[in-house]
Amino acid sequence: MKRVMSMLAIAGLCSLGAAVSAQTPPPTTPAAKPAKAEKPAKMAAPTYTGCVAEGTKKGTFELKDATATGSTDKMTYDLKGKGLAAHVNHKVEVTGKVAKPATGNETLTAKSVKMVADKCS
């Protein structure tokens, strides 16, 4: 009888140990960090080639017969920026941003101006 009681006690302890281990959550591992998404490449500012002319008002300028890179359409833009007076009657390449007003010519704000030819053709 002692033997049976001992076996029952051992069996009970084993089942108790199994039940306790089933209740214990598995060890957690840190979640893998998602890969950083690459930033999209910045688009280059558009470039326009045309002739700098004095505007209708004193101290204003226009870029006439201007074509955007990759286009053959000619436009006239009101031109804003520094050092434009030095380029009057020159063919230039202007990099910048275009704004579309409600009326009148579109305005091209120059970030850079590069002389292509010393005369407009």
C-alpha atoms as a PDB file:
ATOM      1  CA  MET A   1       0.000   0.000   0.000  1.00  0.00           C
ATOM      2  CA  LYS A   2       2.883   2.337   0.749  1.00  0.00           C
ATOM      3  CA  ARG A   3       4.098   1.662  -2.682  1.00  0.00           C
ATOM      4  CA  VAL A   4       0.789   2.668  -4.285  1.00  0.00           C
ATOM      5  CA  MET A   5       0.635   5.853  -2.217  1.00  0.00           C
ATOM      6  CA  SER A   6       4.165   6.758  -3.199  1.00  0.00           C
ATOM      7  CA  MET A   7       3.383   6.216  -6.874  1.00  0.00           C
ATOM      8  CA  LEU A   8       0.221   8.321  -6.611  1.00  0.00           C
ATOM      9  CA  ALA A   9       2.186  11.094  -4.892  1.00  0.00           C
ATOM     10  CA  ILE A  10       4.861  11.040  -7.624  1.00  0.00           C
ATOM     11  CA  ALA A  11       2.221  10.999 -10.361  1.00  0.00           C
ATOM     12  CA  GLY A  12       0.438  13.915  -8.695  1.00  0.00           C
ATOM     13  CA  LEU A  13       3.635  15.954  -8.456  1.00  0.00           C
ATOM     14  CA  CYS A  14       4.479  15.258 -12.092  1.00  0.00           C
ATOM     15  CA  SER A  15       1.035  16.351 -13.285  1.00  0.00           C
ATOM     16  CA  LEU A  16       1.219  19.428 -11.048  1.00  0.00           C
ATOM     17  CA  GLY A  17       4.593  20.345 -12.578  1.00  0.00           C
ATOM     18  CA  ALA A  18       3.201  19.903 -16.101  1.00  0.00           C
ATOM     19  CA  ALA A  19       0.181  22.055 -15.278  1.00  0.00           C
ATOM     20  CA  VAL A  20       2.355  24.839 -13.832  1.00  0.00           C
ATOM     21  CA  SER A  21       4.712  24.861 -16.814  1.00  0.00           C
ATOM     22  CA  ALA A  22       1.730  25.053 -19.178  1.00  0.00           C
ATOM     23  CA  GLN A  23       0.557  28.186 -17.323  1.00  0.00           C
ATOM     24  CA  THR A  24       3.906  29.976 -17.654  1.00  0.00           C
ATOM     25  CA  PRO A  25       4.055  32.132 -20.801  1.00  0.00           C
ATOM     26  CA  PRO A  26       6.986  31.476 -23.122  1.00  0.00           C
ATOM     27  CA  PRO A  27       9.873  33.923 -22.837  1.00  0.00           C
ATOM     28  CA  THR A  28       9.326  36.959 -25.040  1.00  0.00           C
ATOM     29  CA  THR A  29      11.792  37.980 -27.655  1.00  0.00           C
ATOM     30  CA  PRO A  30      11.978  41.584 -28.796  1.00  0.00           C
ATOM     31  CA  ALA A  31       9.915  42.202 -31.898  1.00  0.00           C
ATOM     32  CA  ALA A  32      11.932  42.691 -35.022  1.00  0.00           C
ATOM     33  CA  LYS A  33      12.135  46.345 -35.965  1.00  0.00           C
ATOM     34  CA  PRO A  34      10.660  47.092 -39.359  1.00  0.00           C
ATOM     35  CA  ALA A  35      13.192  48.174 -41.941  1.00  0.00           C
ATOM     36  CA  LYS A  36      13.344  51.923 -42.443  1.00  0.00           C
ATOM     37  CA  ALA A  37      11.630  52.977 -45.604  1.00  0.00           C
ATOM     38  CA  GLU A  38      13.894  54.793 -47.986  1.00  0.00           C
ATOM     39  CA  LYS A  39      13.057  58.422 -48.508  1.00  0.00           C
ATOM     40  CA  PRO A  40      12.031  59.194 -52.051  1.00  0.00           C
ATOM     41  CA  ALA A  41      14.649  61.121 -53.937  1.00  0.00           C
ATOM     42  CA  LYS A  42      13.984  64.809 -54.112  1.00  0.00           C
ATOM     43  CA  MET A  43      12.884  65.938 -57.491  1.00  0.00           C
ATOM     44  CA  ALA A  44      15.144  68.497 -59.054  1.00  0.00           C
ATOM     45  CA  ALA A  45      13.666  71.949 -59.500  1.00  0.00           C
ATOM     46  CA  PRO A  46      12.541  72.517 -63.092  1.00  0.00           C
ATOM     47  CA  THR A  47      14.868  74.396 -65.436  1.00  0.00           C
ATOM     48  CA  TYR A  48      13.708  76.949 -68.006  1.00  0.00           C
ATOM     49  CA  THR A  49      15.714  78.421 -70.882  1.00  0.00           C
ATOM     50  CA  GLY A  50      14.762  81.784 -72.371  1.00  0.00           C
ATOM     51  CA  CYS A  51      15.625  85.441 -72.820  1.00  0.00           C
ATOM     52  CA  VAL A  52      15.637  87.927 -69.944  1.00  0.00           C
ATOM     53  CA  ALA A  53      13.830  91.175 -70.774  1.00  0.00           C
ATOM     54  CA  GLU A  54      12.792  94.215 -68.768  1.00  0.00           C
ATOM     55  CA  GLY A  55       9.218  93.993 -67.558  1.00  0.00           C
ATOM     56  CA  THR A  56       6.443  96.507 -68.104  1.00  0.00           C
ATOM     57  CA  LYS A  57       7.136  98.165 -64.733  1.00  0.00           C
ATOM     58  CA  LYS A  58      10.487  99.559 -63.656  1.00  0.00           C
ATOM     59  CA  GLY A  59      12.619  96.980 -61.840  1.00  0.00           C
ATOM     60  CA  THR A  60      10.626  93.986 -63.093  1.00  0.00           C
ATOM     61  CA  PHE A  61      11.797  91.286 -65.476  1.00  0.00           C
ATOM     62  CA  GLU A  62      10.374  88.643 -67.789  1.00  0.00           C
ATOM     63  CA  LEU A  63      11.714  85.413 -69.185  1.00  0.00           C
ATOM     64  CA  LYS A  64      10.529  85.387 -72.796  1.00  0.00           C
ATOM     65  CA  ASP A  65      10.298  82.453 -75.205  1.00  0.00           C
ATOM     66  CA  ALA A  66      11.063  80.188 -72.275  1.00  0.00           C
ATOM     67  CA  THR A  67      10.977  76.422 -72.649  1.00  0.00           C
ATOM     68  CA  ALA A  68      10.997  73.998 -69.754  1.00  0.00           C
ATOM     69  CA  THR A  69      13.502  71.157 -69.895  1.00  0.00           C
ATOM     70  CA  GLY A  70      12.004  68.393 -72.034  1.00  0.00           C
ATOM     71  CA  SER A  71       9.373  70.651 -73.622  1.00  0.00           C
ATOM     72  CA  THR A  72       9.152  72.652 -76.830  1.00  0.00           C
ATOM     73  CA  ASP A  73       6.264  74.880 -75.687  1.00  0.00           C
ATOM     74  CA  LYS A  74       7.320  78.530 -75.401  1.00  0.00           C
ATOM     75  CA  MET A  75       5.998  80.678 -72.557  1.00  0.00           C
ATOM     76  CA  THR A  76       6.630  84.084 -71.030  1.00  0.00           C
ATOM     77  CA  TYR A  77       7.108  84.226 -67.255  1.00  0.00           C
ATOM     78  CA  ASP A  78       7.286  87.141 -64.851  1.00  0.00           C
ATOM     79  CA  LEU A  79      10.779  86.589 -63.454  1.00  0.00           C
ATOM     80  CA  LYS A  80      11.772  87.237 -59.847  1.00  0.00           C
ATOM     81  CA  GLY A  81      15.184  86.828 -58.271  1.00  0.00           C
ATOM     82  CA  LYS A  82      18.506  88.501 -57.572  1.00  0.00           C
ATOM     83  CA  GLY A  83      20.952  89.792 -60.184  1.00  0.00           C
ATOM     84  CA  LEU A  84      18.506  89.690 -63.075  1.00  0.00           C
ATOM     85  CA  ALA A  85      19.399  93.190 -64.379  1.00  0.00           C
ATOM     86  CA  ALA A  86      22.846  91.887 -65.348  1.00  0.00           C
ATOM     87  CA  HIS A  87      21.193  89.328 -67.660  1.00  0.00           C
ATOM     88  CA  VAL A  88      18.850  91.603 -69.655  1.00  0.00           C
ATOM     89  CA  ASN A  89      19.009  90.567 -73.341  1.00  0.00           C
ATOM     90  CA  HIS A  90      20.945  87.396 -72.453  1.00  0.00           C
ATOM     91  CA  LYS A  91      19.785  83.858 -73.065  1.00  0.00           C
ATOM     92  CA  VAL A  92      19.771  82.161 -69.657  1.00  0.00           C
ATOM     93  CA  GLU A  93      18.956  78.906 -67.941  1.00  0.00           C
ATOM     94  CA  VAL A  94      16.836  79.484 -64.829  1.00  0.00           C
ATOM     95  CA  THR A  95      16.174  76.923 -62.129  1.00  0.00           C
ATOM     96  CA  GLY A  96      13.301  77.761 -59.837  1.00  0.00           C
ATOM     97  CA  LYS A  97       9.685  77.475 -58.864  1.00  0.00           C
ATOM     98  CA  VAL A  98       6.657  78.533 -60.905  1.00  0.00           C
ATOM     99  CA  ALA A  99       3.525  80.010 -59.331  1.00  0.00           C
ATOM    100  CA  LYS A 100       0.283  80.386 -61.220  1.00  0.00           C
ATOM    101  CA  PRO A 101      -1.567  83.593 -60.319  1.00  0.00           C
ATOM    102  CA  ALA A 102      -5.275  84.072 -60.977  1.00  0.00           C
ATOM    103  CA  THR A 103      -4.474  86.535 -63.783  1.00  0.00           C
ATOM    104  CA  GLY A 104      -1.429  87.454 -65.846  1.00  0.00           C
ATOM    105  CA  ASN A 105       1.754  85.555 -66.584  1.00  0.00           C
ATOM    106  CA  GLU A 106       2.959  82.728 -64.405  1.00  0.00           C
ATOM    107  CA  THR A 107       5.718  83.848 -62.025  1.00  0.00           C
ATOM    108  CA  LEU A 108       9.080  82.092 -62.053  1.00  0.00           C
ATOM    109  CA  THR A 109      11.089  82.652 -58.865  1.00  0.00           C
ATOM    110  CA  ALA A 110      14.723  81.977 -59.737  1.00  0.00           C
ATOM    111  CA  LYS A 111      16.923  79.941 -57.413  1.00  0.00           C
ATOM    112  CA  SER A 112      19.794  80.077 -59.891  1.00  0.00           C
ATOM    113  CA  VAL A 113      20.453  81.859 -63.182  1.00  0.00           C
ATOM    114  CA  LYS A 114      23.128  80.702 -65.614  1.00  0.00           C
ATOM    115  CA  MET A 115      23.968  82.616 -68.785  1.00  0.00           C
ATOM    116  CA  VAL A 116      23.811  80.385 -71.876  1.00  0.00           C
ATOM    117  CA  ALA A 117      24.506  83.095 -74.507  1.00  0.00           C
ATOM    118  CA  ASP A 118      25.285  86.810 -74.315  1.00  0.00           C
ATOM    119  CA  LYS A 119      22.575  87.557 -76.916  1.00  0.00           C
ATOM    120  CA  CYS A 120      19.017  86.417 -77.394  1.00  0.00           C
ATOM    121  CA  SER A 121      18.467  84.841 -80.773  1.00  0.00           C
END
